[in-house]
PDB file of N, CA and C in Angstrom:
ATOM      1  N   MET A   1     113.598 117.387 111.912  1.00  0.00           N
ATOM      2  CA  MET A   1     112.456 116.686 111.718  1.00  0.00           C
ATOM      3  C   MET A   1     112.136 115.783 111.501  1.00  0.00           C
ATOM      4  N   ILE A   2     111.187 114.351 111.673  1.00  0.00           N
ATOM      5  CA  ILE A   2     111.060 112.972 111.596  1.00  0.00           C
ATOM      6  C   ILE A   2     109.974 112.949 110.579  1.00  0.00           C
ATOM      7  N   ARG A   3     110.418 112.351 109.364  1.00  0.00           N
ATOM      8  CA  ARG A   3     109.928 112.204 108.200  1.00  0.00           C
ATOM      9  C   ARG A   3     108.765 110.875 108.014  1.00  0.00           C
ATOM     10  N   LYS A   4     107.774 110.930 107.832  1.00  0.00           N
ATOM     11  CA  LYS A   4     107.010 109.880 108.040  1.00  0.00           C
ATOM     12  C   LYS A   4     105.796 109.376 106.673  1.00  0.00           C
ATOM     13  N   GLY A   5     105.913 108.390 106.209  1.00  0.00           N
ATOM     14  CA  GLY A   5     104.961 107.970 105.321  1.00  0.00           C
ATOM     15  C   GLY A   5     104.474 106.858 105.557  1.00  0.00           C
ATOM     16  N   PHE A   6     103.037 106.924 104.902  1.00  0.00           N
ATOM     17  CA  PHE A   6     101.897 105.921 105.325  1.00  0.00           C
ATOM     18  C   PHE A   6     101.036 105.463 104.162  1.00  0.00           C
ATOM     19  N   LYS A   7     100.143 104.741 104.168  1.00  0.00           N
ATOM     20  CA  LYS A   7      98.810 104.392 102.983  1.00  0.00           C
ATOM     21  C   LYS A   7      98.018 104.658 103.621  1.00  0.00           C
ATOM     22  N   MET A   8      96.620 104.799 103.041  1.00  0.00           N
ATOM     23  CA  MET A   8      95.409 104.858 103.366  1.00  0.00           C
ATOM     24  C   MET A   8      94.558 104.049 102.291  1.00  0.00           C
ATOM     25  N   LYS A   9      93.555 103.665 101.511  1.00  0.00           N
ATOM     26  CA  LYS A   9      92.745 103.692 100.776  1.00  0.00           C
ATOM     27  C   LYS A   9      91.283 103.983 100.644  1.00  0.00           C
ATOM     28  N   LEU A  10      90.943 104.462  99.371  1.00  0.00           N
ATOM     29  CA  LEU A  10      89.932 105.396  99.468  1.00  0.00           C
ATOM     30  C   LEU A  10      88.763 104.207  98.386  1.00  0.00           C
ATOM     31  N   TYR A  11      87.482 104.737  98.897  1.00  0.00           N
ATOM     32  CA  TYR A  11      86.620 103.937  98.751  1.00  0.00           C
ATOM     33  C   TYR A  11      86.427 104.258  96.931  1.00  0.00           C
ATOM     34  N   ASP A  12      85.982 103.221  95.949  1.00  0.00           N
ATOM     35  CA  ASP A  12      85.707 103.473  94.586  1.00  0.00           C
ATOM     36  C   ASP A  12      85.183 104.547  94.403  1.00  0.00           C
ATOM     37  N   GLY A  13      85.301 105.238  93.472  1.00  0.00           N
ATOM     38  CA  GLY A  13      84.594 106.706  92.989  1.00  0.00           C
ATOM     39  C   GLY A  13      84.795 107.863  93.615  1.00  0.00           C
ATOM     40  N   MET A  14      85.510 107.507  95.007  1.00  0.00           N
ATOM     41  CA  MET A  14      85.409 108.870  96.082  1.00  0.00           C
ATOM     42  C   MET A  14      86.710 109.538  95.736  1.00  0.00           C
ATOM     43  N   GLU A  15      87.653 109.594  94.643  1.00  0.00           N
ATOM     44  CA  GLU A  15      88.686 110.410  94.582  1.00  0.00           C
ATOM     45  C   GLU A  15      88.255 111.580  94.601  1.00  0.00           C
ATOM     46  N   ALA A  16      87.520 112.330  93.834  1.00  0.00           N
ATOM     47  CA  ALA A  16      87.071 113.961  93.443  1.00  0.00           C
ATOM     48  C   ALA A  16      86.803 114.427  94.971  1.00  0.00           C
ATOM     49  N   GLU A  17      85.758 113.500  95.493  1.00  0.00           N
ATOM     50  CA  GLU A  17      85.238 114.424  96.705  1.00  0.00           C
ATOM     51  C   GLU A  17      86.336 114.283  97.830  1.00  0.00           C
ATOM     52  N   TYR A  18      87.346 113.051  97.796  1.00  0.00           N
ATOM     53  CA  TYR A  18      88.222 113.121  98.717  1.00  0.00           C
ATOM     54  C   TYR A  18      89.730 114.634  98.475  1.00  0.00           C
ATOM     55  N   GLU A  19      89.728 114.672  97.109  1.00  0.00           N
ATOM     56  CA  GLU A  19      90.459 115.958  96.632  1.00  0.00           C
ATOM     57  C   GLU A  19      89.554 117.410  96.910  1.00  0.00           C
ATOM     58  N   LYS A  20      88.336 117.062  96.698  1.00  0.00           N
ATOM     59  CA  LYS A  20      87.564 118.284  97.130  1.00  0.00           C
ATOM     60  C   LYS A  20      87.705 118.880  98.511  1.00  0.00           C
ATOM     61  N   ARG A  21      87.508 117.504  99.684  1.00  0.00           N
ATOM     62  CA  ARG A  21      87.376 117.962 101.120  1.00  0.00           C
ATOM     63  C   ARG A  21      88.431 118.521 101.137  1.00  0.00           C
ATOM     64  N   HIS A  22      89.668 118.376 100.785  1.00  0.00           N
ATOM     65  CA  HIS A  22      91.166 118.027 101.313  1.00  0.00           C
ATOM     66  C   HIS A  22      91.471 119.774 100.595  1.00  0.00           C
ATOM     67  N   ASN A  23      91.039 120.010  99.292  1.00  0.00           N
ATOM     68  CA  ASN A  23      91.359 121.663  98.683  1.00  0.00           C
ATOM     69  C   ASN A  23      90.480 122.536  99.655  1.00  0.00           C
ATOM     70  N   GLU A  24      89.665 121.807 100.438  1.00  0.00           N
ATOM     71  CA  GLU A  24      88.890 122.908 101.253  1.00  0.00           C
ATOM     72  C   GLU A  24      88.731 122.596 102.560  1.00  0.00           C
ATOM     73  N   LEU A  25      90.388 122.208 102.799  1.00  0.00           N
ATOM     74  CA  LEU A  25      90.871 121.864 104.397  1.00  0.00           C
ATOM     75  C   LEU A  25      90.387 123.039 105.383  1.00  0.00           C
ATOM     76  N   TRP A  26      89.649 122.533 106.552  1.00  0.00           N
ATOM     77  CA  TRP A  26      89.410 123.728 107.549  1.00  0.00           C
ATOM     78  C   TRP A  26      90.320 124.324 107.794  1.00  0.00           C
ATOM     79  N   PRO A  27      90.388 125.443 108.089  1.00  0.00           N
ATOM     80  CA  PRO A  27      91.651 126.561 108.594  1.00  0.00           C
ATOM     81  C   PRO A  27      91.704 125.814 110.273  1.00  0.00           C
ATOM     82  N   GLU A  28      90.741 125.564 110.815  1.00  0.00           N
ATOM     83  CA  GLU A  28      91.230 124.868 112.249  1.00  0.00           C
ATOM     84  C   GLU A  28      91.926 123.795 112.137  1.00  0.00           C
ATOM     85  N   MET A  29      91.585 122.790 110.684  1.00  0.00           N
ATOM     86  CA  MET A  29      92.414 121.618 110.680  1.00  0.00           C
ATOM     87  C   MET A  29      93.972 122.042 110.391  1.00  0.00           C
ATOM     88  N   ALA A  30      94.051 123.012 109.680  1.00  0.00           N
ATOM     89  CA  ALA A  30      95.728 122.845 109.460  1.00  0.00           C
ATOM     90  C   ALA A  30      96.196 123.670 110.463  1.00  0.00           C
ATOM     91  N   ASP A  31      95.317 124.531 111.352  1.00  0.00           N
ATOM     92  CA  ASP A  31      95.969 125.066 112.113  1.00  0.00           C
ATOM     93  C   ASP A  31      96.362 124.178 113.149  1.00  0.00           C
ATOM     94  N   MET A  32      95.767 123.091 113.334  1.00  0.00           N
ATOM     95  CA  MET A  32      95.800 122.051 114.737  1.00  0.00           C
ATOM     96  C   MET A  32      96.827 120.986 114.086  1.00  0.00           C
ATOM     97  N   ILE A  33      97.374 120.892 112.657  1.00  0.00           N
ATOM     98  CA  ILE A  33      98.292 119.951 112.106  1.00  0.00           C
ATOM     99  C   ILE A  33      99.555 120.759 112.659  1.00  0.00           C
ATOM    100  N   HIS A  34      99.796 122.059 112.265  1.00  0.00           N
ATOM    101  CA  HIS A  34     100.799 122.934 112.654  1.00  0.00           C
ATOM    102  C   HIS A  34     101.383 123.063 114.282  1.00  0.00           C
ATOM    103  N   GLU A  35     100.034 123.217 114.655  1.00  0.00           N
ATOM    104  CA  GLU A  35     100.470 123.112 116.208  1.00  0.00           C
ATOM    105  C   GLU A  35     100.844 122.048 117.123  1.00  0.00           C
ATOM    106  N   TYR A  36     100.403 120.880 116.162  1.00  0.00           N
ATOM    107  CA  TYR A  36     101.039 119.891 116.805  1.00  0.00           C
ATOM    108  C   TYR A  36     102.499 119.233 115.969  1.00  0.00           C
ATOM    109  N   GLY A  37     102.936 120.324 115.297  1.00  0.00           N
ATOM    110  CA  GLY A  37     104.343 119.955 114.788  1.00  0.00           C
ATOM    111  C   GLY A  37     104.409 119.322 113.393  1.00  0.00           C
ATOM    112  N   GLY A  38     103.163 119.267 112.653  1.00  0.00           N
ATOM    113  CA  GLY A  38     103.236 118.917 111.381  1.00  0.00           C
ATOM    114  C   GLY A  38     103.667 119.834 110.332  1.00  0.00           C
ATOM    115  N   HIS A  39     104.509 119.263 109.381  1.00  0.00           N
ATOM    116  CA  HIS A  39     104.875 120.037 108.385  1.00  0.00           C
ATOM    117  C   HIS A  39     104.946 119.516 106.751  1.00  0.00           C
ATOM    118  N   ASN A  40     104.821 120.037 105.543  1.00  0.00           N
ATOM    119  CA  ASN A  40     105.052 119.840 104.723  1.00  0.00           C
ATOM    120  C   ASN A  40     104.089 118.206 104.300  1.00  0.00           C
ATOM    121  N   TYR A  41     103.078 118.544 104.594  1.00  0.00           N
ATOM    122  CA  TYR A  41     102.346 117.312 104.626  1.00  0.00           C
ATOM    123  C   TYR A  41     101.816 116.961 102.945  1.00  0.00           C
ATOM    124  N   THR A  42     101.934 116.039 102.256  1.00  0.00           N
ATOM    125  CA  THR A  42     101.390 115.757 100.999  1.00  0.00           C
ATOM    126  C   THR A  42     101.024 114.468 101.392  1.00  0.00           C
ATOM    127  N   ILE A  43      99.912 114.331 100.128  1.00  0.00           N
ATOM    128  CA  ILE A  43      99.175 113.391  99.942  1.00  0.00           C
ATOM    129  C   ILE A  43      99.066 112.684  98.609  1.00  0.00           C
ATOM    130  N   TYR A  44      99.481 111.523  97.971  1.00  0.00           N
ATOM    131  CA  TYR A  44      99.284 111.110  96.597  1.00  0.00           C
ATOM    132  C   TYR A  44      98.360 110.081  96.716  1.00  0.00           C
ATOM    133  N   TRP A  45      97.987 110.243  95.332  1.00  0.00           N
ATOM    134  CA  TRP A  45      97.232 108.999  94.916  1.00  0.00           C
ATOM    135  C   TRP A  45      97.221 108.239  93.934  1.00  0.00           C
ATOM    136  N   ASP A  46      96.892 106.922  94.060  1.00  0.00           N
ATOM    137  CA  ASP A  46      97.468 105.853  92.763  1.00  0.00           C
ATOM    138  C   ASP A  46      96.125 105.379  92.365  1.00  0.00           C
ATOM    139  N   LYS A  47      96.300 105.756  91.045  1.00  0.00           N
ATOM    140  CA  LYS A  47      94.443 105.324  90.337  1.00  0.00           C
ATOM    141  C   LYS A  47      94.473 104.320  90.402  1.00  0.00           C
ATOM    142  N   ASP A  48      95.217 103.646  90.162  1.00  0.00           N
ATOM    143  CA  ASP A  48      94.968 101.942  89.584  1.00  0.00           C
ATOM    144  C   ASP A  48      94.810 101.414  91.263  1.00  0.00           C
ATOM    145  N   THR A  49      95.099 101.654  91.964  1.00  0.00           N
ATOM    146  CA  THR A  49      94.994 100.745  93.054  1.00  0.00           C
ATOM    147  C   THR A  49      93.911 101.520  94.513  1.00  0.00           C
ATOM    148  N   ASN A  50      93.563 102.914  94.199  1.00  0.00           N
ATOM    149  CA  ASN A  50      92.865 103.637  95.307  1.00  0.00           C
ATOM    150  C   ASN A  50      93.843 103.875  96.669  1.00  0.00           C
ATOM    151  N   ILE A  51      94.897 103.637  96.531  1.00  0.00           N
ATOM    152  CA  ILE A  51      95.866 103.800  97.681  1.00  0.00           C
ATOM    153  C   ILE A  51      96.310 105.160  97.694  1.00  0.00           C
ATOM    154  N   LEU A  52      96.166 105.453  98.968  1.00  0.00           N
ATOM    155  CA  LEU A  52      96.608 106.732  98.965  1.00  0.00           C
ATOM    156  C   LEU A  52      98.061 106.758  99.895  1.00  0.00           C
ATOM    157  N   PHE A  53      98.966 107.715  99.484  1.00  0.00           N
ATOM    158  CA  PHE A  53     100.406 107.771  99.908  1.00  0.00           C
ATOM    159  C   PHE A  53     100.584 109.072 100.615  1.00  0.00           C
ATOM    160  N   GLY A  54     100.499 108.886 101.764  1.00  0.00           N
ATOM    161  CA  GLY A  54     100.864 110.128 102.681  1.00  0.00           C
ATOM    162  C   GLY A  54     102.617 110.701 102.868  1.00  0.00           C
ATOM    163  N   TYR A  55     102.789 111.881 103.279  1.00  0.00           N
ATOM    164  CA  TYR A  55     103.832 112.083 103.518  1.00  0.00           C
ATOM    165  C   TYR A  55     103.804 113.233 104.541  1.00  0.00           C
ATOM    166  N   ILE A  56     104.346 113.322 105.680  1.00  0.00           N
ATOM    167  CA  ILE A  56     104.461 114.105 106.459  1.00  0.00           C
ATOM    168  C   ILE A  56     105.786 114.256 107.137  1.00  0.00           C
ATOM    169  N   GLU A  57     106.431 115.748 107.853  1.00  0.00           N
ATOM    170  CA  GLU A  57     107.501 115.791 108.311  1.00  0.00           C
ATOM    171  C   GLU A  57     107.036 116.204 109.985  1.00  0.00           C
ATOM    172  N   VAL A  58     107.180 115.478 111.133  1.00  0.00           N
ATOM    173  CA  VAL A  58     106.821 116.060 112.199  1.00  0.00           C
ATOM    174  C   VAL A  58     108.147 116.146 113.080  1.00  0.00           C
ATOM    175  N   GLU A  59     107.820 117.437 114.039  1.00  0.00           N
ATOM    176  CA  GLU A  59     108.640 117.980 115.119  1.00  0.00           C
ATOM    177  C   GLU A  59     108.975 116.687 116.192  1.00  0.00           C
ATOM    178  N   GLU A  60     108.131 116.055 116.508  1.00  0.00           N
ATOM    179  CA  GLU A  60     108.002 114.974 117.585  1.00  0.00           C
ATOM    180  C   GLU A  60     107.175 114.155 117.264  1.00  0.00           C
ATOM    181  N   GLU A  61     107.336 112.888 117.805  1.00  0.00           N
ATOM    182  CA  GLU A  61     106.564 111.494 117.923  1.00  0.00           C
ATOM    183  C   GLU A  61     105.109 112.020 118.443  1.00  0.00           C
ATOM    184  N   GLU A  62     105.987 111.813 119.826  1.00  0.00           N
ATOM    185  CA  GLU A  62     104.718 111.914 120.949  1.00  0.00           C
ATOM    186  C   GLU A  62     103.966 113.248 120.761  1.00  0.00           C
ATOM    187  N   ARG A  63     104.267 114.289 120.582  1.00  0.00           N
ATOM    188  CA  ARG A  63     103.410 115.374 120.530  1.00  0.00           C
ATOM    189  C   ARG A  63     102.269 115.453 119.106  1.00  0.00           C
ATOM    190  N   TRP A  64     102.961 114.876 118.197  1.00  0.00           N
ATOM    191  CA  TRP A  64     102.247 114.440 116.676  1.00  0.00           C
ATOM    192  C   TRP A  64     100.909 113.573 117.057  1.00  0.00           C
ATOM    193  N   ALA A  65     101.183 112.336 117.826  1.00  0.00           N
ATOM    194  CA  ALA A  65     100.395 111.492 118.466  1.00  0.00           C
ATOM    195  C   ALA A  65      99.494 111.919 119.160  1.00  0.00           C
ATOM    196  N   LYS A  66      99.408 112.996 120.011  1.00  0.00           N
ATOM    197  CA  LYS A  66      98.130 113.542 120.531  1.00  0.00           C
ATOM    198  C   LYS A  66      97.739 114.417 119.970  1.00  0.00           C
ATOM    199  N   SER A  67      98.017 114.783 118.351  1.00  0.00           N
ATOM    200  CA  SER A  67      96.656 115.407 117.648  1.00  0.00           C
ATOM    201  C   SER A  67      95.843 114.631 116.953  1.00  0.00           C
ATOM    202  N   ALA A  68      95.849 113.246 117.497  1.00  0.00           N
ATOM    203  CA  ALA A  68      94.528 112.311 117.200  1.00  0.00           C
ATOM    204  C   ALA A  68      93.678 112.435 117.956  1.00  0.00           C
ATOM    205  N   ASP A  69      93.601 112.977 119.150  1.00  0.00           N
ATOM    206  CA  ASP A  69      92.805 112.927 120.192  1.00  0.00           C
ATOM    207  C   ASP A  69      92.248 114.406 120.435  1.00  0.00           C
ATOM    208  N   THR A  70      92.506 115.330 119.451  1.00  0.00           N
ATOM    209  CA  THR A  70      91.775 116.899 119.232  1.00  0.00           C
ATOM    210  C   THR A  70      90.321 116.896 118.748  1.00  0.00           C
ATOM    211  N   PRO A  71      89.601 117.484 119.429  1.00  0.00           N
ATOM    212  CA  PRO A  71      88.219 117.166 118.845  1.00  0.00           C
ATOM    213  C   PRO A  71      87.959 118.125 117.388  1.00  0.00           C
ATOM    214  N   ILE A  72      89.000 118.849 116.515  1.00  0.00           N
ATOM    215  CA  ILE A  72      89.267 119.041 115.279  1.00  0.00           C
ATOM    216  C   ILE A  72      89.327 118.121 114.467  1.00  0.00           C
ATOM    217  N   ASN A  73      90.286 117.230 114.974  1.00  0.00           N
ATOM    218  CA  ASN A  73      90.633 115.689 114.544  1.00  0.00           C
ATOM    219  C   ASN A  73      89.594 114.741 114.286  1.00  0.00           C
ATOM    220  N   ARG A  74      89.021 114.812 115.472  1.00  0.00           N
ATOM    221  CA  ARG A  74      87.958 113.537 115.390  1.00  0.00           C
ATOM    222  C   ARG A  74      86.857 114.178 114.249  1.00  0.00           C
ATOM    223  N   LYS A  75      86.372 115.226 114.561  1.00  0.00           N
ATOM    224  CA  LYS A  75      85.642 115.757 113.724  1.00  0.00           C
ATOM    225  C   LYS A  75      85.824 115.462 112.021  1.00  0.00           C
ATOM    226  N   TRP A  76      87.362 115.859 111.895  1.00  0.00           N
ATOM    227  CA  TRP A  76      87.701 115.738 110.274  1.00  0.00           C
ATOM    228  C   TRP A  76      87.379 114.233 110.113  1.00  0.00           C
ATOM    229  N   TRP A  77      88.142 113.383 110.882  1.00  0.00           N
ATOM    230  CA  TRP A  77      87.791 111.778 110.774  1.00  0.00           C
ATOM    231  C   TRP A  77      86.234 111.125 110.385  1.00  0.00           C
ATOM    232  N   ASP A  78      85.265 111.511 111.080  1.00  0.00           N
ATOM    233  CA  ASP A  78      83.819 111.734 111.203  1.00  0.00           C
ATOM    234  C   ASP A  78      83.350 112.248 109.770  1.00  0.00           C
ATOM    235  N   PHE A  79      84.102 113.312 109.117  1.00  0.00           N
ATOM    236  CA  PHE A  79      83.942 113.705 107.935  1.00  0.00           C
ATOM    237  C   PHE A  79      84.548 113.483 106.694  1.00  0.00           C
ATOM    238  N   MET A  80      85.494 112.222 107.143  1.00  0.00           N
ATOM    239  CA  MET A  80      86.174 111.785 106.066  1.00  0.00           C
ATOM    240  C   MET A  80      85.418 110.121 105.774  1.00  0.00           C
ATOM    241  N   ALA A  81      85.131 109.731 106.890  1.00  0.00           N
ATOM    242  CA  ALA A  81      84.830 108.477 106.825  1.00  0.00           C
ATOM    243  C   ALA A  81      84.068 107.826 105.478  1.00  0.00           C
ATOM    244  N   PRO A  82      83.099 108.970 105.035  1.00  0.00           N
ATOM    245  CA  PRO A  82      82.114 107.797 103.830  1.00  0.00           C
ATOM    246  C   PRO A  82      83.144 107.694 102.174  1.00  0.00           C
ATOM    247  N   VAL A  83      84.047 108.637 102.480  1.00  0.00           N
ATOM    248  CA  VAL A  83      84.885 108.145 101.346  1.00  0.00           C
ATOM    249  C   VAL A  83      86.415 107.569 101.158  1.00  0.00           C
ATOM    250  N   MET A  84      86.385 106.970 102.389  1.00  0.00           N
ATOM    251  CA  MET A  84      88.075 105.876 102.372  1.00  0.00           C
ATOM    252  C   MET A  84      87.614 104.996 103.771  1.00  0.00           C
ATOM    253  N   GLU A  85      88.245 104.003 104.148  1.00  0.00           N
ATOM    254  CA  GLU A  85      88.204 102.847 104.445  1.00  0.00           C
ATOM    255  C   GLU A  85      88.448 103.387 106.023  1.00  0.00           C
ATOM    256  N   THR A  86      87.987 103.200 106.857  1.00  0.00           N
ATOM    257  CA  THR A  86      88.063 103.811 108.160  1.00  0.00           C
ATOM    258  C   THR A  86      88.223 102.457 109.557  1.00  0.00           C
ATOM    259  N   ASN A  87      88.634 103.045 110.568  1.00  0.00           N
ATOM    260  CA  ASN A  87      88.625 102.318 111.571  1.00  0.00           C
ATOM    261  C   ASN A  87      86.951 102.043 112.311  1.00  0.00           C
ATOM    262  N   PRO A  88      86.821 101.461 113.356  1.00  0.00           N
ATOM    263  CA  PRO A  88      85.504 101.864 114.146  1.00  0.00           C
ATOM    264  C   PRO A  88      85.032 103.279 114.558  1.00  0.00           C
ATOM    265  N   ASP A  89      86.251 103.899 114.944  1.00  0.00           N
ATOM    266  CA  ASP A  89      86.139 104.949 115.603  1.00  0.00           C
ATOM    267  C   ASP A  89      86.169 106.056 114.445  1.00  0.00           C
ATOM    268  N   ASN A  90      86.106 105.727 113.055  1.00  0.00           N
ATOM    269  CA  ASN A  90      86.042 106.631 112.124  1.00  0.00           C
ATOM    270  C   ASN A  90      87.783 107.142 111.738  1.00  0.00           C
ATOM    271  N   SER A  91      88.682 106.772 112.715  1.00  0.00           N
ATOM    272  CA  SER A  91      90.131 107.028 112.140  1.00  0.00           C
ATOM    273  C   SER A  91      90.318 106.355 110.813  1.00  0.00           C
ATOM    274  N   PRO A  92      91.056 106.755 109.974  1.00  0.00           N
ATOM    275  CA  PRO A  92      91.378 106.500 108.701  1.00  0.00           C
ATOM    276  C   PRO A  92      92.257 104.895 109.186  1.00  0.00           C
ATOM    277  N   VAL A  93      92.068 103.856 108.108  1.00  0.00           N
ATOM    278  CA  VAL A  93      93.138 102.822 108.287  1.00  0.00           C
ATOM    279  C   VAL A  93      94.454 103.335 107.745  1.00  0.00           C
ATOM    280  N   CYS A  94      95.089 103.156 108.434  1.00  0.00           N
ATOM    281  CA  CYS A  94      96.917 103.856 107.966  1.00  0.00           C
ATOM    282  C   CYS A  94      97.482 102.801 108.213  1.00  0.00           C
ATOM    283  N   VAL A  95      98.535 102.511 107.359  1.00  0.00           N
ATOM    284  CA  VAL A  95      99.798 101.843 107.630  1.00  0.00           C
ATOM    285  C   VAL A  95     100.991 102.427 107.399  1.00  0.00           C
ATOM    286  N   ASP A  96     101.788 102.666 108.404  1.00  0.00           N
ATOM    287  CA  ASP A  96     102.801 103.311 108.317  1.00  0.00           C
ATOM    288  C   ASP A  96     104.268 102.454 107.300  1.00  0.00           C
ATOM    289  N   LEU A  97     104.478 103.222 106.391  1.00  0.00           N
ATOM    290  CA  LEU A  97     105.715 102.667 105.791  1.00  0.00           C
ATOM    291  C   LEU A  97     107.107 102.898 106.295  1.00  0.00           C
ATOM    292  N   HIS A  98     107.505 101.601 106.121  1.00  0.00           N
ATOM    293  CA  HIS A  98     109.339 102.048 106.497  1.00  0.00           C
ATOM    294  C   HIS A  98     110.206 102.658 105.391  1.00  0.00           C
ATOM    295  N   THR A  99     110.954 103.429 105.773  1.00  0.00           N
ATOM    296  CA  THR A  99     111.788 104.266 104.879  1.00  0.00           C
ATOM    297  C   THR A  99     113.046 103.362 104.533  1.00  0.00           C
ATOM    298  N   MET A 100     113.090 103.157 103.018  1.00  0.00           N
ATOM    299  CA  MET A 100     114.129 102.248 102.770  1.00  0.00           C
ATOM    300  C   MET A 100     115.243 103.121 102.243  1.00  0.00           C
ATOM    301  N   PHE A 101     114.959 104.486 101.626  1.00  0.00           N
ATOM    302  CA  PHE A 101     115.975 105.270 101.638  1.00  0.00           C
ATOM    303  C   PHE A 101     115.741 106.725 101.100  1.00  0.00           C
ATOM    304  N   HIS A 102     116.559 107.356 101.828  1.00  0.00           N
ATOM    305  CA  HIS A 102     116.610 109.286 101.380  1.00  0.00           C
ATOM    306  C   HIS A 102     117.696 109.662 101.064  1.00  0.00           C
ATOM    307  N   LEU A 103     117.383 110.551 100.445  1.00  0.00           N
ATOM    308  CA  LEU A 103     118.414 111.188  99.813  1.00  0.00           C
ATOM    309  C   LEU A 103     118.083 112.937  99.990  1.00  0.00           C
ATOM    310  N   ASP A 104     119.006 113.617 100.491  1.00  0.00           N
ATOM    311  CA  ASP A 104     118.551 114.793 100.983  1.00  0.00           C
ATOM    312  C   ASP A 104     119.113 115.888  99.585  1.00  0.00           C
TER     313      ASP A 104
END
């Protein structure tokens, strides 16, 4: 598995809505994540900065990258755009983080 960490940012006052939407994650979105090799997906929220820290394990980088172009993923991005910073295509502004330390 390849461990990936990244950060995103919520709009002010949108933490409850963001959490609600993820607690009600569409089954077809969860299926897509697994189909494209994503596992152990966790998102944390820093309430002082509204920064989200995401962690996911993926089987293959190339396969995981293809998940961005699926119709369900595009629909999810459109759904989430009102609550977080996004790019012009509604993909979340996402910054990959460099692993500084890992211990099994």
